[in-house]
Protein backbone atom coordinates (compact mmCIF):
# COMPACT_ATOMS: atom_id res chain seq x y z
CA MET A 1 -137.07 -11.65 108.16
CA SER A 2 -140.14 -9.68 107.32
CA VAL A 3 -141.82 -6.39 108.21
CA ASP A 4 -144.08 -8.33 110.59
CA SER A 5 -143.68 -7.61 114.29
CA PRO A 6 -141.96 -10.07 116.63
CA TYR A 7 -145.41 -10.75 118.13
CA THR A 8 -146.83 -11.66 114.70
CA HIS A 9 -143.84 -13.94 114.08
CA LYS A 10 -144.43 -15.65 117.43
CA VAL A 11 -148.13 -16.21 116.72
CA TRP A 12 -147.40 -17.54 113.23
CA SER A 13 -144.56 -19.75 114.47
CA GLU A 14 -146.55 -21.26 117.32
CA GLY A 15 -149.90 -21.49 115.52
CA GLU A 16 -148.95 -22.47 111.98
CA LEU A 17 -145.26 -23.07 111.42
CA SER A 18 -144.95 -25.51 114.33
CA LYS A 19 -147.42 -27.77 112.50
CA ILE A 20 -145.20 -27.73 109.38
CA VAL A 21 -141.78 -27.87 111.05
CA PRO A 22 -141.85 -30.12 114.15
CA GLY A 23 -140.25 -28.22 117.00
CA GLY A 24 -140.34 -24.96 115.03
CA LEU A 25 -137.53 -23.21 113.21
CA PRO A 26 -134.03 -23.86 114.55
CA TYR A 27 -133.19 -20.15 114.18
CA PRO A 28 -134.90 -16.87 115.13
CA MET A 29 -137.20 -14.95 112.83
CA LEU A 30 -136.22 -11.31 112.52
CA SER A 31 -138.47 -8.28 112.24
CA ASP A 32 -137.76 -5.48 109.75
CA PRO A 33 -140.21 -2.75 110.83
CA GLY A 34 -140.50 -0.15 108.12
CA GLY A 35 -138.66 -2.34 105.62
CA ARG A 36 -135.22 -0.78 106.11
CA ILE A 37 -133.33 -4.06 105.52
CA GLY A 38 -135.70 -4.96 102.67
CA GLN A 39 -134.87 -1.64 101.03
CA GLU A 40 -131.14 -2.37 101.30
CA TYR A 41 -131.67 -5.74 99.59
CA MET A 42 -134.10 -4.22 97.08
CA VAL A 43 -137.03 -6.44 98.06
CA TYR A 44 -139.15 -3.90 99.93
CA ASP A 45 -142.50 -3.15 98.27
CA GLU A 46 -143.11 0.37 99.54
CA GLU A 47 -146.61 0.61 98.06
CA ASN A 48 -147.82 -2.41 100.05
CA GLY A 49 -145.45 -2.03 103.01
CA VAL A 50 -144.07 -5.58 102.74
CA ASP A 51 -140.82 -7.34 101.92
CA ILE A 52 -141.10 -9.43 98.75
CA ARG A 53 -139.95 -13.04 99.20
CA GLY A 54 -136.21 -13.07 98.81
CA ARG A 55 -133.41 -15.40 99.80
CA PHE A 56 -129.81 -14.27 100.09
CA LEU A 57 -127.05 -16.79 100.67
CA ILE A 58 -124.10 -14.96 102.22
CA ASP A 59 -120.88 -16.80 103.03
CA PRO A 60 -118.87 -16.43 106.26
CA ASP A 61 -116.76 -13.71 104.59
CA GLY A 62 -119.88 -11.64 103.89
CA VAL A 63 -119.81 -12.38 100.16
CA LEU A 64 -123.16 -12.86 98.45
CA GLN A 65 -123.20 -16.32 96.83
CA ALA A 66 -126.83 -16.68 95.71
CA ILE A 67 -130.02 -14.64 95.38
CA GLU A 68 -133.58 -15.79 94.78
CA ILE A 69 -136.48 -13.34 94.61
CA LEU A 70 -139.99 -14.67 94.03
CA ALA A 71 -143.41 -13.12 93.57
CA PRO A 72 -145.48 -13.46 96.77
CA ALA A 73 -147.75 -16.05 95.16
CA VAL A 74 -144.85 -18.33 94.15
CA GLY A 75 -143.73 -20.93 96.67
CA ARG A 76 -140.09 -21.55 97.51
CA ASN A 77 -138.13 -24.78 97.14
CA VAL A 78 -136.42 -25.42 100.47
CA ALA A 79 -134.62 -28.50 99.09
CA GLU A 80 -132.99 -26.34 96.40
CA MET A 81 -131.94 -23.78 98.98
CA ILE A 82 -130.32 -26.51 101.09
CA ARG A 83 -128.62 -27.93 97.97
CA GLN A 84 -127.15 -24.51 97.21
CA VAL A 85 -125.90 -24.09 100.79
CA LYS A 86 -124.18 -27.50 100.52
CA ALA A 87 -122.71 -26.61 97.11
CA CYS A 88 -121.35 -23.31 98.46
CA ALA A 89 -119.84 -25.10 101.46
CA TYR A 90 -118.26 -27.71 99.17
CA VAL A 91 -116.72 -25.08 96.91
CA ARG A 92 -115.42 -23.18 99.93
CA GLU A 93 -113.81 -26.34 101.34
CA ASN A 94 -112.47 -27.55 97.97
CA GLU A 95 -110.75 -24.52 96.53
CA GLY A 96 -110.41 -24.65 92.77
CA GLU A 97 -113.44 -26.89 92.26
CA ALA A 98 -116.88 -25.91 90.96
CA THR A 99 -120.24 -27.60 91.30
CA PRO A 100 -122.23 -28.01 88.08
CA ALA A 101 -126.00 -27.58 87.79
CA GLY A 102 -127.92 -29.83 90.15
CA TRP A 103 -124.78 -30.90 92.02
CA GLU A 104 -125.42 -32.87 95.21
CA PRO A 105 -122.90 -34.09 97.80
CA GLY A 106 -121.12 -37.15 96.44
CA LYS A 107 -121.67 -36.16 92.81
CA GLN A 108 -118.94 -35.14 90.37
CA ALA A 109 -117.51 -31.65 90.85
CA LEU A 110 -115.44 -29.90 88.19
CA LYS A 111 -111.94 -28.42 88.26
CA PRO A 112 -112.16 -25.44 85.88
CA SER A 113 -109.05 -25.16 83.74
CA PRO A 114 -108.06 -24.41 80.13
CA GLU A 115 -107.88 -28.18 79.58
CA LEU A 116 -111.54 -28.57 80.62
CA ALA A 117 -112.74 -26.01 78.07
CA GLY A 118 -114.83 -27.74 75.44
CA LYS A 119 -114.68 -31.07 77.31
CA VAL A 120 -117.20 -30.60 80.13
CA CYS A 121 -119.67 -32.83 78.29
CA GLU A 122 -117.17 -35.71 78.61
CA ILE A 123 -117.57 -35.76 82.41
CA TRP A 124 -120.92 -34.05 83.02
CA SER A 125 -124.30 -34.05 81.27
CA PRO A 126 -127.61 -32.25 81.89
CA GLU A 127 -129.19 -35.53 83.04
CA MET A 128 -126.83 -35.44 86.03
CA ALA A 129 -128.55 -32.24 87.21
CA PHE A 130 -131.83 -34.04 87.91
């Protein structure tokens, strides 16, 4: 979503994005004329009339699970976004479990409990995050 018009999105999608993502995006791009949605999410730059780059991961219950806001000159990491979506889905499907830093499908998840306190390092280490 951006303050760009649907026409601008179409031109960008067909002229540029289609060269990066074969077949184009599998979802629609949305227009936020005037930045109303950007204001609600506190990413609208009123002085320049643009939405700052922001990513909001909202679960099926409407609960915000992750936020990332970057300066316009800083590129995003799509792989990290996809990893976070998978981690959120895993946690949702496996109630009572948590995914540590860098968790990927198939890697060790954690079951937070009083018994785990002070013992996380016995089953997880920072090297596992990378």
